[in-house]
Amino acid sequence: FLLGILFPLTIQWWGEVQVVPRKKQEDGFRIEWTRTEMEITLPFGKKIVKENPEMSTKLSSTPWDIEKLDEGMICFRRGDIGHLVYDSK
């Protein structure tokens, strides 16, 4: 997305997918985030890179469960906060 509609901003997250045993259904999967990186591209191509920015670290502190996979759509649940659906195609 654009920061103040002036500079492109990219945030990348890295993590590990872990198997989570569940009692009454098949085992599930969870993403434990390990690090994040923010990159801002300034005019004339200059880039600023920041490892583990505070806001990303806060968001990644809660594990994300993979709730459902269906035809390239992946549904993530972040604790009891909410869901995110991603189209992997």
C-alpha atoms as a PDB file:
ATOM      1  CA  PHE A   1       0.000   0.000   0.000  1.00  0.00           C
ATOM      2  CA  LEU A   2       1.054   3.611  -0.191  1.00  0.00           C
ATOM      3  CA  LEU A   3       2.332   5.521   2.807  1.00  0.00           C
ATOM      4  CA  GLY A   4       0.708   8.940   2.703  1.00  0.00           C
ATOM      5  CA  ILE A   5       0.125   8.300  -1.028  1.00  0.00           C
ATOM      6  CA  LEU A   6       3.750   9.247  -1.616  1.00  0.00           C
ATOM      7  CA  PHE A   7       5.999   6.263  -0.959  1.00  0.00           C
ATOM      8  CA  PRO A   8       5.408   2.547  -1.674  1.00  0.00           C
ATOM      9  CA  LEU A   9       5.613   0.435   1.488  1.00  0.00           C
ATOM     10  CA  THR A  10       6.147  -3.330   1.566  1.00  0.00           C
ATOM     11  CA  ILE A  11       6.026  -5.549   4.652  1.00  0.00           C
ATOM     12  CA  GLN A  12       7.201  -9.157   4.433  1.00  0.00           C
ATOM     13  CA  TRP A  13       6.617 -11.782   7.097  1.00  0.00           C
ATOM     14  CA  TRP A  14       8.529 -15.030   7.567  1.00  0.00           C
ATOM     15  CA  GLY A  15       7.366 -17.923   9.676  1.00  0.00           C
ATOM     16  CA  GLU A  16       7.157 -21.668  10.161  1.00  0.00           C
ATOM     17  CA  VAL A  17       4.119 -23.867   9.592  1.00  0.00           C
ATOM     18  CA  GLN A  18       3.574 -26.213  12.533  1.00  0.00           C
ATOM     19  CA  VAL A  19       1.177 -29.131  13.021  1.00  0.00           C
ATOM     20  CA  VAL A  20      -1.330 -28.517  15.831  1.00  0.00           C
ATOM     21  CA  PRO A  21      -3.050 -31.599  17.308  1.00  0.00           C
ATOM     22  CA  ARG A  22      -6.813 -31.198  17.755  1.00  0.00           C
ATOM     23  CA  LYS A  23      -9.029 -33.425  19.894  1.00  0.00           C
ATOM     24  CA  LYS A  24     -12.181 -34.020  17.847  1.00  0.00           C
ATOM     25  CA  GLN A  25     -10.963 -33.465  14.279  1.00  0.00           C
ATOM     26  CA  GLU A  26      -7.929 -33.786  12.036  1.00  0.00           C
ATOM     27  CA  ASP A  27      -4.721 -32.065  13.041  1.00  0.00           C
ATOM     28  CA  GLY A  28      -4.518 -28.439  11.983  1.00  0.00           C
ATOM     29  CA  PHE A  29      -1.730 -26.110  10.954  1.00  0.00           C
ATOM     30  CA  ARG A  30      -0.458 -22.926  12.574  1.00  0.00           C
ATOM     31  CA  ILE A  31       1.986 -20.273  11.428  1.00  0.00           C
ATOM     32  CA  GLU A  32       4.471 -19.132  14.063  1.00  0.00           C
ATOM     33  CA  TRP A  33       5.981 -15.905  12.728  1.00  0.00           C
ATOM     34  CA  THR A  34       9.766 -15.624  13.123  1.00  0.00           C
ATOM     35  CA  ARG A  35      10.594 -12.202  11.651  1.00  0.00           C
ATOM     36  CA  THR A  36       9.259  -9.290   9.614  1.00  0.00           C
ATOM     37  CA  GLU A  37      10.819  -6.693   7.353  1.00  0.00           C
ATOM     38  CA  MET A  38       9.499  -3.317   6.188  1.00  0.00           C
ATOM     39  CA  GLU A  39      10.798  -1.621   3.050  1.00  0.00           C
ATOM     40  CA  ILE A  40       9.969   1.945   1.993  1.00  0.00           C
ATOM     41  CA  THR A  41      10.996   3.105  -1.487  1.00  0.00           C
ATOM     42  CA  LEU A  42      11.776   6.814  -1.590  1.00  0.00           C
ATOM     43  CA  PRO A  43      12.076   8.982  -4.703  1.00  0.00           C
ATOM     44  CA  PHE A  44      15.031   8.233  -6.975  1.00  0.00           C
ATOM     45  CA  GLY A  45      14.959   4.569  -5.933  1.00  0.00           C
ATOM     46  CA  LYS A  46      16.456   4.933  -2.448  1.00  0.00           C
ATOM     47  CA  LYS A  47      15.167   2.185  -0.116  1.00  0.00           C
ATOM     48  CA  ILE A  48      14.875   2.127   3.652  1.00  0.00           C
ATOM     49  CA  VAL A  49      14.702  -1.337   5.227  1.00  0.00           C
ATOM     50  CA  LYS A  50      13.710  -1.913   8.845  1.00  0.00           C
ATOM     51  CA  GLU A  51      13.871  -5.348  10.476  1.00  0.00           C
ATOM     52  CA  ASN A  52      11.016  -6.317  12.824  1.00  0.00           C
ATOM     53  CA  PRO A  53       9.104  -2.996  12.904  1.00  0.00           C
ATOM     54  CA  GLU A  54       7.066  -2.564  16.095  1.00  0.00           C
ATOM     55  CA  MET A  55       3.582  -2.800  14.537  1.00  0.00           C
ATOM     56  CA  SER A  56       4.420  -5.954  12.560  1.00  0.00           C
ATOM     57  CA  THR A  57       5.970  -7.551  15.626  1.00  0.00           C
ATOM     58  CA  LYS A  58       2.782  -6.833  17.583  1.00  0.00           C
ATOM     59  CA  LEU A  59       0.613  -8.419  14.849  1.00  0.00           C
ATOM     60  CA  SER A  60       2.874 -11.453  14.583  1.00  0.00           C
ATOM     61  CA  SER A  61       2.939 -12.121  18.337  1.00  0.00           C
ATOM     62  CA  THR A  62      -0.336 -14.095  18.067  1.00  0.00           C
ATOM     63  CA  PRO A  63      -0.077 -17.335  16.029  1.00  0.00           C
ATOM     64  CA  TRP A  64      -2.210 -17.645  12.899  1.00  0.00           C
ATOM     65  CA  ASP A  65      -4.147 -20.912  12.463  1.00  0.00           C
ATOM     66  CA  ILE A  66      -4.887 -22.191   8.968  1.00  0.00           C
ATOM     67  CA  GLU A  67      -8.614 -22.914   9.171  1.00  0.00           C
ATOM     68  CA  LYS A  68      -9.434 -24.053   5.654  1.00  0.00           C
ATOM     69  CA  LEU A  69      -7.862 -24.663   2.232  1.00  0.00           C
ATOM     70  CA  ASP A  70     -10.226 -24.756  -0.738  1.00  0.00           C
ATOM     71  CA  GLU A  71      -9.407 -24.302  -4.441  1.00  0.00           C
ATOM     72  CA  GLY A  72      -6.449 -22.028  -3.756  1.00  0.00           C
ATOM     73  CA  MET A  73      -8.242 -19.997  -1.078  1.00  0.00           C
ATOM     74  CA  ILE A  74      -6.647 -20.126   2.384  1.00  0.00           C
ATOM     75  CA  CYS A  75      -8.536 -18.994   5.496  1.00  0.00           C
ATOM     76  CA  PHE A  76      -6.372 -17.879   8.422  1.00  0.00           C
ATOM     77  CA  ARG A  77      -7.611 -17.215  11.980  1.00  0.00           C
ATOM     78  CA  ARG A  78      -5.546 -14.939  14.201  1.00  0.00           C
ATOM     79  CA  GLY A  79      -6.260 -15.972  17.773  1.00  0.00           C
ATOM     80  CA  ASP A  80      -9.714 -14.727  18.701  1.00  0.00           C
ATOM     81  CA  ILE A  81      -9.253 -11.475  16.775  1.00  0.00           C
ATOM     82  CA  GLY A  82     -10.564 -12.384  13.322  1.00  0.00           C
ATOM     83  CA  HIS A  83     -10.089 -14.082   9.975  1.00  0.00           C
ATOM     84  CA  LEU A  84      -8.124 -13.309   6.819  1.00  0.00           C
ATOM     85  CA  VAL A  85      -8.758 -15.059   3.505  1.00  0.00           C
ATOM     86  CA  TYR A  86      -5.947 -15.199   0.936  1.00  0.00           C
ATOM     87  CA  ASP A  87      -6.196 -16.249  -2.721  1.00  0.00           C
ATOM     88  CA  SER A  88      -2.985 -18.177  -3.429  1.00  0.00           C
ATOM     89  CA  LYS A  89      -3.612 -18.503  -7.181  1.00  0.00           C
END
